[in-house]
Amino acid sequence: MDLSARIDAAIHAAIRQGQAAPSPGKLASALHYSVTPGGARIRPTLLLSVAKACGDENPALADAAACALELIHCASLVHDDLPCFDDADLRRGKPSVHRAFGEPLAILAGDSLIVMAFEVLARAAPHDPLRAAGLIGLLAGRTGMPNGICAGQGWESEAVVDLSAYHRAKTAALFIAATQMGALAAGQDAEPWEELGARIGEAFQVADDLRDALLDEETLGKPVGQDDLHGRPNAVSEFGIDGAIARMRDILAGAISSIPRCPGEARLAKLVTAQAEALTPLKWRADQARVPGE
């Protein structure tokens, strides 16, 4: 089974359990709506790729970790779109959850997905109780305060923002969780994998800042210009377009060189490179630089 199939199977199984009768039908529907369509599933794909690079000798535990991580990510999107934050009408090319189901159900759906993530890991504990406990700790640490995505959202309420710390918490946190959880699920020490996750996450945030500034709503599948609209710190405003692209390239070069020694090191480096190319609006940059008529 390929990685996408493993991820989708685990997520749909978790959602089905969350929809088991008797349960409130609208909230059950909102859970499914929140995780579909799946988008690129970048974080769980990275997690399973690291697990495979490290031997993937406990795939059931790795699948649970990938599912839990993606559920947390989807929950964060539901909450990010709420009127108290981004007030976004679109997400992944369709109405955001609060537009489709209303604010109360959107809040409950996001909360339910967070709880479901840790339930998935708890149910996987029989595969290896010590590793499962470690996975729960890693995911919790990158979800809450002071180093998780909640902290990242909190930075947006500060008068003075440390851009690096903001990016590390808001975006890099779940990428760090991905690399560390993938290694731990495969029985490896999680600590050496932190730098890779941090670098990928920082590069992803810079790429996201570029997409927000350069792409249109139809292409992006969600509202654009949100950084300027909400006065959020971002790489484009700090470094300019050329500077942001250069920064992202430097970060990704460092990411590849930071991959710890493992049997699948070369394959993992190719994945990081491919993901970077898919996320970066470099084609837009090349098109703009091309002389008309060439």
C-alpha atoms as a PDB file:
ATOM      1  CA  MET A   1       0.000   0.000   0.000  1.00  0.00           C
ATOM      2  CA  ASP A   2       1.448   3.395  -0.967  1.00  0.00           C
ATOM      3  CA  LEU A   3       1.770   6.228   1.541  1.00  0.00           C
ATOM      4  CA  SER A   4      -1.325   8.116   0.363  1.00  0.00           C
ATOM      5  CA  ALA A   5      -3.472   5.014   0.680  1.00  0.00           C
ATOM      6  CA  ARG A   6      -2.116   4.313   4.165  1.00  0.00           C
ATOM      7  CA  ILE A   7      -2.859   7.869   5.286  1.00  0.00           C
ATOM      8  CA  ASP A   8      -6.365   7.974   3.820  1.00  0.00           C
ATOM      9  CA  ALA A   9      -7.277   4.566   5.238  1.00  0.00           C
ATOM     10  CA  ALA A  10      -6.190   5.587   8.737  1.00  0.00           C
ATOM     11  CA  ILE A  11      -7.984   8.949   8.607  1.00  0.00           C
ATOM     12  CA  HIS A  12     -11.248   7.539   7.269  1.00  0.00           C
ATOM     13  CA  ALA A  13     -11.198   4.796   9.914  1.00  0.00           C
ATOM     14  CA  ALA A  14     -10.776   7.414  12.645  1.00  0.00           C
ATOM     15  CA  ILE A  15     -13.592   9.564  11.257  1.00  0.00           C
ATOM     16  CA  ARG A  16     -15.919   6.570  10.999  1.00  0.00           C
ATOM     17  CA  GLN A  17     -15.318   5.800  14.662  1.00  0.00           C
ATOM     18  CA  GLY A  18     -16.073   9.427  15.494  1.00  0.00           C
ATOM     19  CA  GLN A  19     -19.350   9.188  13.587  1.00  0.00           C
ATOM     20  CA  ALA A  20     -20.543   5.997  15.282  1.00  0.00           C
ATOM     21  CA  ALA A  21     -24.191   6.034  16.338  1.00  0.00           C
ATOM     22  CA  PRO A  22     -25.651   7.449  18.394  1.00  0.00           C
ATOM     23  CA  SER A  23     -24.007  10.764  17.525  1.00  0.00           C
ATOM     24  CA  PRO A  24     -25.210  14.217  16.424  1.00  0.00           C
ATOM     25  CA  GLY A  25     -25.553  13.992  12.661  1.00  0.00           C
ATOM     26  CA  LYS A  26     -24.508  17.530  11.750  1.00  0.00           C
ATOM     27  CA  LEU A  27     -21.327  17.376  13.784  1.00  0.00           C
ATOM     28  CA  ALA A  28     -20.590  13.920  12.362  1.00  0.00           C
ATOM     29  CA  SER A  29     -20.909  15.375   8.868  1.00  0.00           C
ATOM     30  CA  ALA A  30     -18.710  18.337   9.797  1.00  0.00           C
ATOM     31  CA  LEU A  31     -15.939  15.951  10.878  1.00  0.00           C
ATOM     32  CA  HIS A  32     -15.855  14.298   7.463  1.00  0.00           C
ATOM     33  CA  TYR A  33     -16.111  17.670   5.713  1.00  0.00           C
ATOM     34  CA  SER A  34     -13.142  18.974   7.710  1.00  0.00           C
ATOM     35  CA  VAL A  35     -10.718  16.311   6.481  1.00  0.00           C
ATOM     36  CA  THR A  36     -11.890  15.995   2.849  1.00  0.00           C
ATOM     37  CA  PRO A  37     -10.670  16.595   0.265  1.00  0.00           C
ATOM     38  CA  GLY A  38      -7.335  15.725   1.748  1.00  0.00           C
ATOM     39  CA  GLY A  39      -5.117  18.224  -0.019  1.00  0.00           C
ATOM     40  CA  ALA A  40      -1.473  17.256  -0.341  1.00  0.00           C
ATOM     41  CA  ARG A  41      -1.276  15.557   3.098  1.00  0.00           C
ATOM     42  CA  ILE A  42       2.250  16.920   3.292  1.00  0.00           C
ATOM     43  CA  ARG A  43       2.838  16.398   7.011  1.00  0.00           C
ATOM     44  CA  PRO A  44       1.677  12.775   7.307  1.00  0.00           C
ATOM     45  CA  THR A  45       3.493  11.939   4.054  1.00  0.00           C
ATOM     46  CA  LEU A  46       6.689  13.343   5.542  1.00  0.00           C
ATOM     47  CA  LEU A  47       6.084  11.374   8.741  1.00  0.00           C
ATOM     48  CA  LEU A  48       5.660   8.070   6.898  1.00  0.00           C
ATOM     49  CA  SER A  49       8.593   8.867   4.624  1.00  0.00           C
ATOM     50  CA  VAL A  50      10.834   9.314   7.655  1.00  0.00           C
ATOM     51  CA  ALA A  51       9.464   6.094   9.153  1.00  0.00           C
ATOM     52  CA  LYS A  52      10.241   4.249   5.912  1.00  0.00           C
ATOM     53  CA  ALA A  53      13.705   5.792   5.762  1.00  0.00           C
ATOM     54  CA  CYS A  54      14.283   4.432   9.273  1.00  0.00           C
ATOM     55  CA  GLY A  55      13.013   0.924   8.434  1.00  0.00           C
ATOM     56  CA  ASP A  56       9.243   1.257   9.094  1.00  0.00           C
ATOM     57  CA  GLU A  57       9.298  -1.863  11.271  1.00  0.00           C
ATOM     58  CA  ASN A  58       6.022  -0.921  13.027  1.00  0.00           C
ATOM     59  CA  PRO A  59       3.753   0.369  10.211  1.00  0.00           C
ATOM     60  CA  ALA A  60       0.558   0.212  12.287  1.00  0.00           C
ATOM     61  CA  LEU A  61       2.048   2.626  14.814  1.00  0.00           C
ATOM     62  CA  ALA A  62       3.411   4.852  12.043  1.00  0.00           C
ATOM     63  CA  ASP A  63      -0.008   4.965  10.374  1.00  0.00           C
ATOM     64  CA  ALA A  64      -1.623   5.983  13.660  1.00  0.00           C
ATOM     65  CA  ALA A  65       0.974   8.722  14.115  1.00  0.00           C
ATOM     66  CA  ALA A  66       0.415  10.009  10.570  1.00  0.00           C
ATOM     67  CA  CYS A  67      -3.351  10.020  11.081  1.00  0.00           C
ATOM     68  CA  ALA A  68      -3.106  11.838  14.412  1.00  0.00           C
ATOM     69  CA  LEU A  69      -0.814  14.485  12.957  1.00  0.00           C
ATOM     70  CA  GLU A  70      -3.124  15.167  10.014  1.00  0.00           C
ATOM     71  CA  LEU A  71      -6.160  15.392  12.313  1.00  0.00           C
ATOM     72  CA  ILE A  72      -4.396  18.078  14.341  1.00  0.00           C
ATOM     73  CA  HIS A  73      -3.512  19.936  11.140  1.00  0.00           C
ATOM     74  CA  CYS A  74      -7.103  19.772   9.862  1.00  0.00           C
ATOM     75  CA  ALA A  75      -8.381  20.984  13.235  1.00  0.00           C
ATOM     76  CA  SER A  76      -6.036  23.960  13.049  1.00  0.00           C
ATOM     77  CA  LEU A  77      -7.393  24.873   9.607  1.00  0.00           C
ATOM     78  CA  VAL A  78     -10.977  24.754  10.855  1.00  0.00           C
ATOM     79  CA  HIS A  79     -10.101  27.065  13.742  1.00  0.00           C
ATOM     80  CA  ASP A  80      -7.868  29.359  11.647  1.00  0.00           C
ATOM     81  CA  ASP A  81     -10.769  30.075   9.289  1.00  0.00           C
ATOM     82  CA  LEU A  82     -13.139  31.199  12.070  1.00  0.00           C
ATOM     83  CA  PRO A  83     -14.290  34.854  12.138  1.00  0.00           C
ATOM     84  CA  CYS A  84     -12.222  35.505  15.285  1.00  0.00           C
ATOM     85  CA  PHE A  85      -9.059  34.669  13.325  1.00  0.00           C
ATOM     86  CA  ASP A  86      -8.893  34.792   9.510  1.00  0.00           C
ATOM     87  CA  ASP A  87     -12.659  34.915   8.836  1.00  0.00           C
ATOM     88  CA  ALA A  88     -12.023  32.930   5.642  1.00  0.00           C
ATOM     89  CA  ASP A  89     -14.861  31.879   3.370  1.00  0.00           C
ATOM     90  CA  LEU A  90     -12.889  29.246   1.461  1.00  0.00           C
ATOM     91  CA  ARG A  91     -10.599  26.370   2.311  1.00  0.00           C
ATOM     92  CA  ARG A  92      -9.245  23.890  -0.233  1.00  0.00           C
ATOM     93  CA  GLY A  93     -11.555  25.304  -2.870  1.00  0.00           C
ATOM     94  CA  LYS A  94     -14.819  24.878  -0.947  1.00  0.00           C
ATOM     95  CA  PRO A  95     -16.662  26.811   1.787  1.00  0.00           C
ATOM     96  CA  SER A  96     -14.814  26.775   5.096  1.00  0.00           C
ATOM     97  CA  VAL A  97     -16.387  24.672   7.834  1.00  0.00           C
ATOM     98  CA  HIS A  98     -17.970  27.594   9.671  1.00  0.00           C
ATOM     99  CA  ARG A  99     -19.534  28.794   6.411  1.00  0.00           C
ATOM    100  CA  ALA A 100     -20.902  25.337   5.636  1.00  0.00           C
ATOM    101  CA  PHE A 101     -22.041  24.347   9.139  1.00  0.00           C
ATOM    102  CA  GLY A 102     -22.015  27.518  11.273  1.00  0.00           C
ATOM    103  CA  GLU A 103     -19.567  28.707  13.908  1.00  0.00           C
ATOM    104  CA  PRO A 104     -20.704  26.496  16.826  1.00  0.00           C
ATOM    105  CA  LEU A 105     -20.310  23.282  14.830  1.00  0.00           C
ATOM    106  CA  ALA A 106     -17.003  24.461  13.367  1.00  0.00           C
ATOM    107  CA  ILE A 107     -15.586  25.028  16.849  1.00  0.00           C
ATOM    108  CA  LEU A 108     -16.868  21.638  17.979  1.00  0.00           C
ATOM    109  CA  ALA A 109     -15.520  19.924  14.863  1.00  0.00           C
ATOM    110  CA  GLY A 110     -12.058  21.388  15.409  1.00  0.00           C
ATOM    111  CA  ASP A 111     -12.117  20.444  19.091  1.00  0.00           C
ATOM    112  CA  SER A 112     -13.309  16.929  18.254  1.00  0.00           C
ATOM    113  CA  LEU A 113     -10.524  16.408  15.734  1.00  0.00           C
ATOM    114  CA  ILE A 114      -7.915  17.410  18.326  1.00  0.00           C
ATOM    115  CA  VAL A 115      -9.299  14.931  20.846  1.00  0.00           C
ATOM    116  CA  MET A 116      -9.611  12.288  18.114  1.00  0.00           C
ATOM    117  CA  ALA A 117      -5.918  12.659  17.265  1.00  0.00           C
ATOM    118  CA  PHE A 118      -4.837  11.650  20.745  1.00  0.00           C
ATOM    119  CA  GLU A 119      -7.477   8.919  20.882  1.00  0.00           C
ATOM    120  CA  VAL A 120      -5.980   7.413  17.708  1.00  0.00           C
ATOM    121  CA  LEU A 121      -2.555   7.282  19.352  1.00  0.00           C
ATOM    122  CA  ALA A 122      -3.992   5.848  22.556  1.00  0.00           C
ATOM    123  CA  ARG A 123      -5.713   3.062  20.599  1.00  0.00           C
ATOM    124  CA  ALA A 124      -2.413   2.268  18.893  1.00  0.00           C
ATOM    125  CA  ALA A 125      -0.587   1.871  22.213  1.00  0.00           C
ATOM    126  CA  PRO A 126      -0.777  -1.963  22.239  1.00  0.00           C
ATOM    127  CA  HIS A 127       1.591  -2.014  19.247  1.00  0.00           C
ATOM    128  CA  ASP A 128       4.295  -0.481  21.473  1.00  0.00           C
ATOM    129  CA  PRO A 129       3.182   1.307  24.669  1.00  0.00           C
ATOM    130  CA  LEU A 130       6.432   3.208  25.252  1.00  0.00           C
ATOM    131  CA  ARG A 131       6.639   4.504  21.693  1.00  0.00           C
ATOM    132  CA  ALA A 132       2.953   5.434  21.737  1.00  0.00           C
ATOM    133  CA  ALA A 133       3.464   7.437  24.924  1.00  0.00           C
ATOM    134  CA  GLY A 134       6.389   9.200  23.292  1.00  0.00           C
ATOM    135  CA  LEU A 135       4.311   9.977  20.203  1.00  0.00           C
ATOM    136  CA  ILE A 136       1.558  11.470  22.364  1.00  0.00           C
ATOM    137  CA  GLY A 137       4.125  13.666  24.107  1.00  0.00           C
ATOM    138  CA  LEU A 138       5.687  14.828  20.854  1.00  0.00           C
ATOM    139  CA  LEU A 139       2.353  15.710  19.275  1.00  0.00           C
ATOM    140  CA  ALA A 140       1.110  17.483  22.388  1.00  0.00           C
ATOM    141  CA  GLY A 141       4.290  19.526  22.592  1.00  0.00           C
ATOM    142  CA  ARG A 142       3.913  20.719  19.017  1.00  0.00           C
ATOM    143  CA  THR A 143       0.204  21.475  19.382  1.00  0.00           C
ATOM    144  CA  GLY A 144      -0.062  23.572  22.551  1.00  0.00           C
ATOM    145  CA  MET A 145       2.082  26.047  24.474  1.00  0.00           C
ATOM    146  CA  PRO A 146       4.842  27.123  24.500  1.00  0.00           C
ATOM    147  CA  ASN A 147       6.203  25.511  21.318  1.00  0.00           C
ATOM    148  CA  GLY A 148       3.157  24.412  19.357  1.00  0.00           C
ATOM    149  CA  ILE A 149       0.712  25.783  16.833  1.00  0.00           C
ATOM    150  CA  CYS A 150      -1.367  27.400  19.584  1.00  0.00           C
ATOM    151  CA  ALA A 151       1.686  29.490  20.445  1.00  0.00           C
ATOM    152  CA  GLY A 152       2.020  30.335  16.758  1.00  0.00           C
ATOM    153  CA  GLN A 153      -1.494  31.701  16.682  1.00  0.00           C
ATOM    154  CA  GLY A 154      -0.801  33.549  19.920  1.00  0.00           C
ATOM    155  CA  TRP A 155       2.133  35.412  18.388  1.00  0.00           C
ATOM    156  CA  GLU A 156      -0.347  37.224  16.138  1.00  0.00           C
ATOM    157  CA  SER A 157      -1.722  39.032  19.202  1.00  0.00           C
ATOM    158  CA  GLU A 158       1.683  40.403  20.212  1.00  0.00           C
ATOM    159  CA  ALA A 159       2.751  43.982  19.477  1.00  0.00           C
ATOM    160  CA  VAL A 160       6.309  42.922  18.656  1.00  0.00           C
ATOM    161  CA  VAL A 161       6.804  39.621  16.823  1.00  0.00           C
ATOM    162  CA  ASP A 162       9.940  37.528  16.474  1.00  0.00           C
ATOM    163  CA  LEU A 163       9.409  36.289  12.883  1.00  0.00           C
ATOM    164  CA  SER A 164      11.607  33.227  13.309  1.00  0.00           C
ATOM    165  CA  ALA A 165       9.892  32.167  16.549  1.00  0.00           C
ATOM    166  CA  TYR A 166       6.499  32.888  15.008  1.00  0.00           C
ATOM    167  CA  HIS A 167       7.213  30.712  11.963  1.00  0.00           C
ATOM    168  CA  ARG A 168       8.702  27.955  14.095  1.00  0.00           C
ATOM    169  CA  ALA A 169       5.566  27.735  16.234  1.00  0.00           C
ATOM    170  CA  LYS A 170       2.880  28.485  13.656  1.00  0.00           C
ATOM    171  CA  THR A 171       4.145  26.298  10.822  1.00  0.00           C
ATOM    172  CA  ALA A 172       7.347  24.439  11.655  1.00  0.00           C
ATOM    173  CA  ALA A 173       5.873  22.850  14.803  1.00  0.00           C
ATOM    174  CA  LEU A 174       3.872  20.214  12.938  1.00  0.00           C
ATOM    175  CA  PHE A 175       6.735  19.541  10.535  1.00  0.00           C
ATOM    176  CA  ILE A 176       9.002  18.936  13.526  1.00  0.00           C
ATOM    177  CA  ALA A 177       6.317  16.627  14.874  1.00  0.00           C
ATOM    178  CA  ALA A 178       6.251  14.837  11.508  1.00  0.00           C
ATOM    179  CA  THR A 179       9.977  14.095  11.351  1.00  0.00           C
ATOM    180  CA  GLN A 180      10.329  13.224  15.026  1.00  0.00           C
ATOM    181  CA  MET A 181       7.183  11.097  15.193  1.00  0.00           C
ATOM    182  CA  GLY A 182       8.158   9.235  12.037  1.00  0.00           C
ATOM    183  CA  ALA A 183      11.552   8.363  13.493  1.00  0.00           C
ATOM    184  CA  LEU A 184      10.105   7.374  16.871  1.00  0.00           C
ATOM    185  CA  ALA A 185       7.387   5.204  15.312  1.00  0.00           C
ATOM    186  CA  ALA A 186      10.164   3.291  13.558  1.00  0.00           C
ATOM    187  CA  GLY A 187      12.085   2.827  16.788  1.00  0.00           C
ATOM    188  CA  GLN A 188      14.684   5.569  16.292  1.00  0.00           C
ATOM    189  CA  ASP A 189      15.726   8.446  18.553  1.00  0.00           C
ATOM    190  CA  ALA A 190      13.511  11.442  17.750  1.00  0.00           C
ATOM    191  CA  GLU A 191      15.926  14.208  18.781  1.00  0.00           C
ATOM    192  CA  PRO A 192      18.238  14.173  15.715  1.00  0.00           C
ATOM    193  CA  TRP A 193      15.230  14.693  13.439  1.00  0.00           C
ATOM    194  CA  GLU A 194      14.156  18.031  14.926  1.00  0.00           C
ATOM    195  CA  GLU A 195      16.352  20.201  12.690  1.00  0.00           C
ATOM    196  CA  LEU A 196      15.003  18.646   9.481  1.00  0.00           C
ATOM    197  CA  GLY A 197      11.418  19.293  10.526  1.00  0.00           C
ATOM    198  CA  ALA A 198      12.208  22.832  11.633  1.00  0.00           C
ATOM    199  CA  ARG A 199      13.898  23.689   8.338  1.00  0.00           C
ATOM    200  CA  ILE A 200      11.153  22.172   6.190  1.00  0.00           C
ATOM    201  CA  GLY A 201       8.531  23.992   8.230  1.00  0.00           C
ATOM    202  CA  GLU A 202      10.281  27.331   7.944  1.00  0.00           C
ATOM    203  CA  ALA A 203      10.672  26.884   4.193  1.00  0.00           C
ATOM    204  CA  PHE A 204       7.014  25.927   3.894  1.00  0.00           C
ATOM    205  CA  GLN A 205       5.963  29.090   5.734  1.00  0.00           C
ATOM    206  CA  VAL A 206       8.089  31.293   3.485  1.00  0.00           C
ATOM    207  CA  ALA A 207       6.562  29.536   0.460  1.00  0.00           C
ATOM    208  CA  ASP A 208       3.099  30.107   1.937  1.00  0.00           C
ATOM    209  CA  ASP A 209       3.880  33.808   2.391  1.00  0.00           C
ATOM    210  CA  LEU A 210       4.935  33.958  -1.256  1.00  0.00           C
ATOM    211  CA  ARG A 211       1.793  32.193  -2.452  1.00  0.00           C
ATOM    212  CA  ASP A 212      -0.366  34.536  -0.377  1.00  0.00           C
ATOM    213  CA  ALA A 213       1.307  37.521  -2.028  1.00  0.00           C
ATOM    214  CA  LEU A 214       1.605  36.216  -5.595  1.00  0.00           C
ATOM    215  CA  LEU A 215      -1.224  33.835  -6.413  1.00  0.00           C
ATOM    216  CA  ASP A 216      -4.949  34.374  -6.940  1.00  0.00           C
ATOM    217  CA  GLU A 217      -7.798  32.884  -4.913  1.00  0.00           C
ATOM    218  CA  GLU A 218      -8.800  30.373  -7.587  1.00  0.00           C
ATOM    219  CA  THR A 219      -5.282  28.975  -7.858  1.00  0.00           C
ATOM    220  CA  LEU A 220      -4.673  28.894  -4.110  1.00  0.00           C
ATOM    221  CA  GLY A 221      -8.109  27.537  -3.151  1.00  0.00           C
ATOM    222  CA  LYS A 222      -8.449  29.982  -0.257  1.00  0.00           C
ATOM    223  CA  PRO A 223      -8.473  33.778   0.215  1.00  0.00           C
ATOM    224  CA  VAL A 224      -5.249  35.571  -0.752  1.00  0.00           C
ATOM    225  CA  GLY A 225      -3.654  38.731   0.619  1.00  0.00           C
ATOM    226  CA  GLN A 226      -4.456  37.617   4.157  1.00  0.00           C
ATOM    227  CA  ASP A 227      -1.083  38.596   5.604  1.00  0.00           C
ATOM    228  CA  ASP A 228      -1.497  42.215   4.550  1.00  0.00           C
ATOM    229  CA  LEU A 229      -5.191  42.257   5.453  1.00  0.00           C
ATOM    230  CA  HIS A 230      -4.567  41.090   9.012  1.00  0.00           C
ATOM    231  CA  GLY A 231      -1.221  42.825   9.452  1.00  0.00           C
ATOM    232  CA  ARG A 232       0.565  39.546  10.086  1.00  0.00           C
ATOM    233  CA  PRO A 233       4.350  39.270  10.019  1.00  0.00           C
ATOM    234  CA  ASN A 234       5.516  37.532   6.864  1.00  0.00           C
ATOM    235  CA  ALA A 235       8.640  36.882   4.844  1.00  0.00           C
ATOM    236  CA  VAL A 236       7.537  38.934   1.820  1.00  0.00           C
ATOM    237  CA  SER A 237       7.053  42.107   3.841  1.00  0.00           C
ATOM    238  CA  GLU A 238      10.357  41.574   5.654  1.00  0.00           C
ATOM    239  CA  PHE A 239      12.594  40.434   2.772  1.00  0.00           C
ATOM    240  CA  GLY A 240      10.719  41.297  -0.430  1.00  0.00           C
ATOM    241  CA  ILE A 241       9.832  38.724  -3.086  1.00  0.00           C
ATOM    242  CA  ASP A 242      13.387  38.118  -4.296  1.00  0.00           C
ATOM    243  CA  GLY A 243      14.700  37.976  -0.758  1.00  0.00           C
ATOM    244  CA  ALA A 244      11.967  35.558   0.364  1.00  0.00           C
ATOM    245  CA  ILE A 245      12.673  33.203  -2.540  1.00  0.00           C
ATOM    246  CA  ALA A 246      16.405  33.303  -1.817  1.00  0.00           C
ATOM    247  CA  ARG A 247      15.744  32.654   1.861  1.00  0.00           C
ATOM    248  CA  MET A 248      13.554  29.676   1.092  1.00  0.00           C
ATOM    249  CA  ARG A 249      16.192  28.143  -1.173  1.00  0.00           C
ATOM    250  CA  ASP A 250      18.827  28.527   1.555  1.00  0.00           C
ATOM    251  CA  ILE A 251      16.556  26.925   4.140  1.00  0.00           C
ATOM    252  CA  LEU A 252      15.820  23.941   1.896  1.00  0.00           C
ATOM    253  CA  ALA A 253      19.497  23.405   1.139  1.00  0.00           C
ATOM    254  CA  GLY A 254      20.086  23.254   4.883  1.00  0.00           C
ATOM    255  CA  ALA A 255      17.144  20.889   5.324  1.00  0.00           C
ATOM    256  CA  ILE A 256      18.570  18.325   2.940  1.00  0.00           C
ATOM    257  CA  SER A 257      22.007  18.491   4.553  1.00  0.00           C
ATOM    258  CA  SER A 258      20.438  18.014   8.010  1.00  0.00           C
ATOM    259  CA  ILE A 259      18.875  14.605   7.258  1.00  0.00           C
ATOM    260  CA  PRO A 260      20.277  12.162   9.822  1.00  0.00           C
ATOM    261  CA  ARG A 261      22.052   9.030   8.675  1.00  0.00           C
ATOM    262  CA  CYS A 262      19.494   6.351   7.849  1.00  0.00           C
ATOM    263  CA  PRO A 263      18.959   3.595   5.256  1.00  0.00           C
ATOM    264  CA  GLY A 264      16.553   5.733   3.206  1.00  0.00           C
ATOM    265  CA  GLU A 265      18.511   8.992   3.382  1.00  0.00           C
ATOM    266  CA  ALA A 266      18.821   9.513  -0.397  1.00  0.00           C
ATOM    267  CA  ARG A 267      15.144   8.787  -1.040  1.00  0.00           C
ATOM    268  CA  LEU A 268      14.125  11.183   1.713  1.00  0.00           C
ATOM    269  CA  ALA A 269      16.287  13.950   0.217  1.00  0.00           C
ATOM    270  CA  LYS A 270      14.491  13.488  -3.114  1.00  0.00           C
ATOM    271  CA  LEU A 271      11.122  13.786  -1.351  1.00  0.00           C
ATOM    272  CA  VAL A 272      12.119  17.047   0.338  1.00  0.00           C
ATOM    273  CA  THR A 273      13.276  18.467  -2.984  1.00  0.00           C
ATOM    274  CA  ALA A 274      10.102  17.377  -4.781  1.00  0.00           C
ATOM    275  CA  GLN A 275       7.858  18.874  -2.102  1.00  0.00           C
ATOM    276  CA  ALA A 276       9.755  22.146  -2.277  1.00  0.00           C
ATOM    277  CA  GLU A 277       9.312  22.359  -6.022  1.00  0.00           C
ATOM    278  CA  ALA A 278       5.593  21.665  -5.687  1.00  0.00           C
ATOM    279  CA  LEU A 279       5.089  24.334  -3.032  1.00  0.00           C
ATOM    280  CA  THR A 280       7.194  27.133  -4.441  1.00  0.00           C
ATOM    281  CA  PRO A 281       5.819  29.696  -6.908  1.00  0.00           C
ATOM    282  CA  LEU A 282       9.164  29.688  -8.722  1.00  0.00           C
ATOM    283  CA  LYS A 283       7.459  29.060 -12.059  1.00  0.00           C
ATOM    284  CA  TRP A 284       5.578  32.337 -11.534  1.00  0.00           C
ATOM    285  CA  ARG A 285       8.921  34.031 -10.918  1.00  0.00           C
ATOM    286  CA  ALA A 286      10.437  32.545 -14.066  1.00  0.00           C
ATOM    287  CA  ASP A 287       7.411  33.542 -16.146  1.00  0.00           C
ATOM    288  CA  GLN A 288       7.658  37.127 -14.953  1.00  0.00           C
ATOM    289  CA  ALA A 289      11.353  37.266 -15.789  1.00  0.00           C
ATOM    290  CA  ARG A 290      10.918  35.875 -19.296  1.00  0.00           C
ATOM    291  CA  VAL A 291      11.162  38.481 -22.067  1.00  0.00           C
ATOM    292  CA  PRO A 292       7.951  38.628 -24.145  1.00  0.00           C
ATOM    293  CA  GLY A 293       8.322  36.958 -27.520  1.00  0.00           C
ATOM    294  CA  GLU A 294      11.154  34.627 -26.468  1.00  0.00           C
END
